[in-house]
N, C-alpha and C. Protein backbone atom coordinates (compact mmCIF):
# COMPACT_ATOMS: atom_id res chain seq x y z
N UNK A 1 -3.78 12.36 -3.34
CA UNK A 1 -3.16 11.38 -2.60
C UNK A 1 -3.85 11.70 -1.21
N UNK A 2 -4.31 10.72 -0.55
CA UNK A 2 -4.88 10.95 0.89
C UNK A 2 -4.53 9.90 1.81
N UNK A 3 -4.18 10.10 2.97
CA UNK A 3 -3.78 9.14 4.07
C UNK A 3 -4.80 9.29 5.15
N UNK A 4 -5.40 8.20 5.54
CA UNK A 4 -6.41 8.19 6.72
C UNK A 4 -6.07 7.04 7.78
N UNK A 5 -5.92 7.49 8.98
CA UNK A 5 -5.58 6.44 10.11
C UNK A 5 -6.78 6.05 10.49
N UNK A 6 -6.91 4.67 10.62
CA UNK A 6 -7.96 3.98 11.42
C UNK A 6 -7.45 3.03 12.36
N UNK A 7 -7.87 2.93 13.54
CA UNK A 7 -7.64 2.04 14.54
C UNK A 7 -8.32 0.86 14.41
N UNK A 8 -8.02 -0.56 13.94
CA UNK A 8 -8.65 -1.69 13.90
C UNK A 8 -8.86 -2.32 15.22
N UNK A 9 -7.67 -2.47 16.02
CA UNK A 9 -7.72 -3.04 17.32
C UNK A 9 -6.77 -1.87 18.06
N UNK A 10 -6.74 -2.33 19.45
CA UNK A 10 -5.59 -1.50 20.12
C UNK A 10 -4.12 -1.55 19.68
N UNK A 11 -3.84 -2.82 19.02
CA UNK A 11 -2.43 -3.06 18.61
C UNK A 11 -2.24 -2.78 17.30
N UNK A 12 -3.22 -3.06 16.27
CA UNK A 12 -3.05 -2.86 14.78
C UNK A 12 -3.60 -1.36 14.47
N UNK A 13 -2.61 -0.66 13.58
CA UNK A 13 -3.12 0.57 13.11
C UNK A 13 -3.05 0.32 11.57
N UNK A 14 -4.05 0.72 10.85
CA UNK A 14 -4.22 0.51 9.52
C UNK A 14 -4.32 1.97 8.90
N UNK A 15 -3.47 2.25 7.79
CA UNK A 15 -3.42 3.39 7.31
C UNK A 15 -3.70 3.32 5.56
N UNK A 16 -4.56 3.85 5.03
CA UNK A 16 -5.09 3.92 3.82
C UNK A 16 -4.43 4.76 2.89
N UNK A 17 -3.71 4.50 1.74
CA UNK A 17 -3.19 5.47 0.80
C UNK A 17 -3.93 5.16 -0.48
N UNK A 18 -4.48 6.29 -1.07
CA UNK A 18 -5.19 6.22 -2.33
C UNK A 18 -4.39 6.75 -3.37
N UNK A 19 -3.53 6.15 -4.28
CA UNK A 19 -2.67 6.46 -5.34
C UNK A 19 -3.30 6.16 -6.53
N UNK A 20 -4.50 6.09 -6.82
CA UNK A 20 -5.11 5.80 -7.94
C UNK A 20 -4.66 6.91 -9.05
N UNK A 21 -4.55 6.56 -10.27
CA UNK A 21 -4.08 7.89 -11.11
C UNK A 21 -2.60 8.02 -11.13
N UNK A 22 -1.74 7.40 -10.32
CA UNK A 22 -0.42 7.61 -10.26
C UNK A 22 0.26 6.34 -11.06
N UNK A 23 1.52 6.64 -11.71
CA UNK A 23 2.06 5.56 -12.38
C UNK A 23 3.61 5.24 -11.73
N UNK A 24 4.20 4.24 -11.96
CA UNK A 24 5.57 3.92 -11.47
C UNK A 24 6.39 4.89 -12.08
N UNK A 25 7.28 5.33 -11.40
CA UNK A 25 8.01 4.80 -10.09
C UNK A 25 7.16 5.52 -9.01
N UNK A 26 6.34 6.55 -9.34
CA UNK A 26 5.69 7.46 -8.21
C UNK A 26 4.93 6.41 -7.27
N UNK A 27 4.42 5.32 -7.85
CA UNK A 27 3.46 4.54 -6.97
C UNK A 27 4.32 4.14 -5.82
N UNK A 28 5.45 3.62 -6.19
CA UNK A 28 6.48 3.06 -5.02
C UNK A 28 6.86 4.22 -4.19
N UNK A 29 7.20 5.33 -4.67
CA UNK A 29 7.64 6.52 -3.81
C UNK A 29 6.58 6.78 -2.77
N UNK A 30 5.39 7.15 -3.28
CA UNK A 30 4.35 7.39 -2.23
C UNK A 30 4.09 6.23 -1.25
N UNK A 31 4.24 5.11 -1.71
CA UNK A 31 3.98 3.89 -0.66
C UNK A 31 5.08 3.90 0.32
N UNK A 32 6.38 4.35 -0.20
CA UNK A 32 7.50 4.20 0.71
C UNK A 32 7.32 5.37 1.85
N UNK A 33 6.98 6.58 1.34
CA UNK A 33 6.68 7.70 2.08
C UNK A 33 5.73 7.40 3.40
N UNK A 34 4.57 6.59 2.81
CA UNK A 34 3.41 6.28 3.82
C UNK A 34 4.05 5.18 4.83
N UNK A 35 4.73 4.23 4.34
CA UNK A 35 5.41 3.25 5.14
C UNK A 35 6.23 3.90 6.18
N UNK A 36 6.91 5.05 5.89
CA UNK A 36 8.05 5.59 6.78
C UNK A 36 7.20 6.07 8.12
N UNK A 37 6.12 6.52 7.82
CA UNK A 37 5.25 7.06 9.00
C UNK A 37 4.78 6.15 10.00
N UNK A 38 4.69 4.83 9.42
CA UNK A 38 4.11 3.87 10.28
C UNK A 38 5.26 3.20 11.30
N UNK A 39 4.60 2.60 12.33
CA UNK A 39 5.52 1.86 13.33
C UNK A 39 5.60 0.33 12.85
N UNK A 40 6.61 -0.37 13.13
CA UNK A 40 6.83 -1.64 12.83
C UNK A 40 5.39 -2.54 13.22
N UNK A 41 5.08 -3.34 12.04
CA UNK A 41 3.88 -4.19 12.47
C UNK A 41 2.55 -3.52 11.86
N UNK A 42 2.53 -2.22 11.68
CA UNK A 42 1.30 -1.60 11.21
C UNK A 42 1.07 -1.89 9.92
N UNK A 43 -0.16 -1.74 9.42
CA UNK A 43 -0.47 -2.19 8.13
C UNK A 43 -0.87 -1.10 7.10
N UNK A 44 -0.52 -1.08 5.96
CA UNK A 44 -0.75 -0.02 5.07
C UNK A 44 -1.69 -0.43 3.83
N UNK A 45 -2.79 -0.04 3.62
CA UNK A 45 -3.65 -0.48 2.48
C UNK A 45 -3.39 0.47 1.36
N UNK A 46 -2.96 0.08 0.28
CA UNK A 46 -2.67 1.11 -0.91
C UNK A 46 -3.73 0.76 -2.05
N UNK A 47 -4.40 1.67 -2.34
CA UNK A 47 -5.38 1.59 -3.51
C UNK A 47 -4.78 2.03 -4.84
N UNK A 48 -4.48 1.13 -5.78
CA UNK A 48 -3.88 1.78 -7.05
C UNK A 48 -4.55 1.01 -8.25
N UNK A 49 -4.54 1.82 -9.53
CA UNK A 49 -4.99 1.42 -10.55
C UNK A 49 -3.91 1.11 -11.82
N UNK A 50 -2.63 1.17 -11.44
CA UNK A 50 -1.89 0.97 -12.54
C UNK A 50 -1.33 -0.43 -12.42
N UNK A 51 -1.70 -1.41 -13.33
CA UNK A 51 -1.38 -2.82 -13.23
C UNK A 51 0.12 -3.25 -12.99
N UNK A 52 1.16 -2.46 -13.64
CA UNK A 52 2.41 -2.83 -13.32
C UNK A 52 2.80 -2.65 -11.75
N UNK A 53 2.16 -1.82 -11.15
CA UNK A 53 2.49 -1.38 -9.69
C UNK A 53 2.19 -2.64 -8.79
N UNK A 54 1.15 -3.34 -9.34
CA UNK A 54 0.75 -4.75 -8.30
C UNK A 54 2.07 -5.43 -8.22
N UNK A 55 3.02 -5.60 -9.28
CA UNK A 55 4.11 -6.39 -8.98
C UNK A 55 5.30 -5.48 -8.42
N UNK A 56 5.39 -4.24 -9.06
CA UNK A 56 6.60 -3.59 -8.50
C UNK A 56 6.62 -3.03 -7.21
N UNK A 57 5.57 -2.59 -6.64
CA UNK A 57 5.37 -1.88 -5.34
C UNK A 57 5.86 -3.04 -4.36
N UNK A 58 5.20 -4.20 -4.28
CA UNK A 58 5.79 -5.20 -3.39
C UNK A 58 7.09 -5.64 -3.47
N UNK A 59 7.55 -5.85 -4.63
CA UNK A 59 8.73 -6.20 -4.82
C UNK A 59 9.87 -5.11 -4.32
N UNK A 60 9.68 -4.07 -4.65
CA UNK A 60 10.40 -2.68 -4.21
C UNK A 60 10.47 -2.67 -2.42
N UNK A 61 9.11 -3.08 -1.96
CA UNK A 61 9.20 -3.06 -0.48
C UNK A 61 9.88 -4.11 0.02
N UNK A 62 9.85 -5.31 -0.51
CA UNK A 62 10.69 -6.36 0.23
C UNK A 62 11.96 -6.36 -0.13
N UNK A 63 12.43 -5.72 -1.28
CA UNK A 63 13.97 -5.67 -1.59
C UNK A 63 14.51 -4.63 -0.73
N UNK A 64 13.69 -3.67 -0.24
CA UNK A 64 14.26 -2.54 0.67
C UNK A 64 13.99 -2.93 2.14
N UNK A 65 13.48 -4.03 2.45
CA UNK A 65 13.06 -4.48 3.81
C UNK A 65 12.08 -3.42 4.50
N UNK A 66 11.21 -3.02 3.70
CA UNK A 66 10.15 -1.79 4.16
C UNK A 66 8.79 -2.74 4.56
N UNK A 67 8.37 -3.48 3.99
CA UNK A 67 7.21 -4.26 4.17
C UNK A 67 7.06 -5.52 3.61
N UNK A 68 6.15 -6.40 4.14
CA UNK A 68 5.95 -7.66 3.40
C UNK A 68 4.47 -7.38 2.89
N UNK A 69 4.24 -7.91 1.72
CA UNK A 69 2.86 -8.17 1.21
C UNK A 69 1.84 -9.25 2.00
N UNK A 70 0.77 -8.74 2.45
CA UNK A 70 -0.14 -9.67 2.91
C UNK A 70 -1.28 -10.16 2.10
N UNK A 71 -1.68 -9.27 1.22
CA UNK A 71 -2.86 -9.53 0.51
C UNK A 71 -2.83 -8.62 -0.86
N UNK A 72 -3.27 -9.18 -2.03
CA UNK A 72 -3.68 -8.26 -3.03
C UNK A 72 -5.19 -8.70 -3.32
N UNK A 73 -6.06 -7.62 -3.43
CA UNK A 73 -7.46 -7.77 -3.81
C UNK A 73 -7.78 -6.80 -5.10
N UNK A 74 -8.53 -7.41 -5.84
CA UNK A 74 -8.94 -6.76 -7.00
C UNK A 74 -10.44 -6.21 -6.72
N UNK A 75 -10.62 -4.96 -7.08
CA UNK A 75 -11.96 -4.37 -6.54
C UNK A 75 -12.57 -3.62 -8.08
N UNK A 76 -13.87 -3.76 -8.28
CA UNK A 76 -14.47 -3.26 -9.27
C UNK A 76 -14.21 -4.07 -10.61
N UNK A 77 -15.24 -4.01 -11.55
CA UNK A 77 -15.12 -4.58 -12.69
C UNK A 77 -15.13 -3.78 -13.88
N UNK A 78 -15.85 -2.67 -13.86
CA UNK A 78 -15.67 -1.65 -14.89
C UNK A 78 -14.33 -0.97 -14.81
N UNK A 79 -14.33 -0.09 -13.86
CA UNK A 79 -13.04 0.52 -13.58
C UNK A 79 -12.35 -0.08 -12.51
N UNK A 80 -11.47 -1.18 -12.95
CA UNK A 80 -10.71 -2.05 -12.00
C UNK A 80 -9.62 -1.27 -11.27
N UNK A 81 -9.40 -1.64 -9.99
CA UNK A 81 -8.41 -1.14 -9.39
C UNK A 81 -8.06 -2.28 -8.21
N UNK A 82 -7.04 -2.11 -7.53
CA UNK A 82 -6.56 -3.01 -6.56
C UNK A 82 -6.24 -2.51 -5.21
N UNK A 83 -6.16 -3.35 -4.17
CA UNK A 83 -5.87 -3.08 -2.98
C UNK A 83 -4.67 -3.80 -2.47
N UNK A 84 -3.50 -3.22 -2.20
CA UNK A 84 -2.35 -3.90 -1.67
C UNK A 84 -2.44 -3.74 -0.24
N UNK A 85 -2.25 -5.00 0.56
CA UNK A 85 -2.15 -4.98 2.03
C UNK A 85 -0.74 -5.09 2.23
N UNK A 86 0.05 -4.23 3.07
CA UNK A 86 1.43 -4.23 3.26
C UNK A 86 1.54 -4.06 4.89
N UNK A 87 2.34 -4.92 5.48
CA UNK A 87 2.76 -4.95 6.80
C UNK A 87 4.26 -4.26 6.91
N UNK A 88 4.39 -3.39 7.65
CA UNK A 88 5.68 -2.62 7.87
C UNK A 88 6.57 -3.48 8.58
N UNK A 89 7.78 -3.79 8.13
CA UNK A 89 8.73 -4.45 8.85
C UNK A 89 9.55 -3.53 9.70
C-alpha cells in the first residue's frame, strides 16, 4: 500500500491509494484510513483490482458519511483494475 500526495491546485489536494491485490473488507479499511488523513473536500483516488470493492467501498463510504463517489474509471484491458475517485465529506 502506498499513499502519495499531489497538489492539483492550491485548493484541491489529491491522494493516491494503491490497494491492488487486497480484497474486501480490507479494501474499505485501507480506504477509510486514507480518508481520515484528508481534510474535507480533498480527493482520494483509489486503485483496486477486486471487482466487488467497486460497489462495496463507495457504499460504505456513503453509509458512514466519509466520502462521496465522483468517478469510477476502468483501466487496462488484460490486467483490468479500477480507479475510484472519492471526495471527503
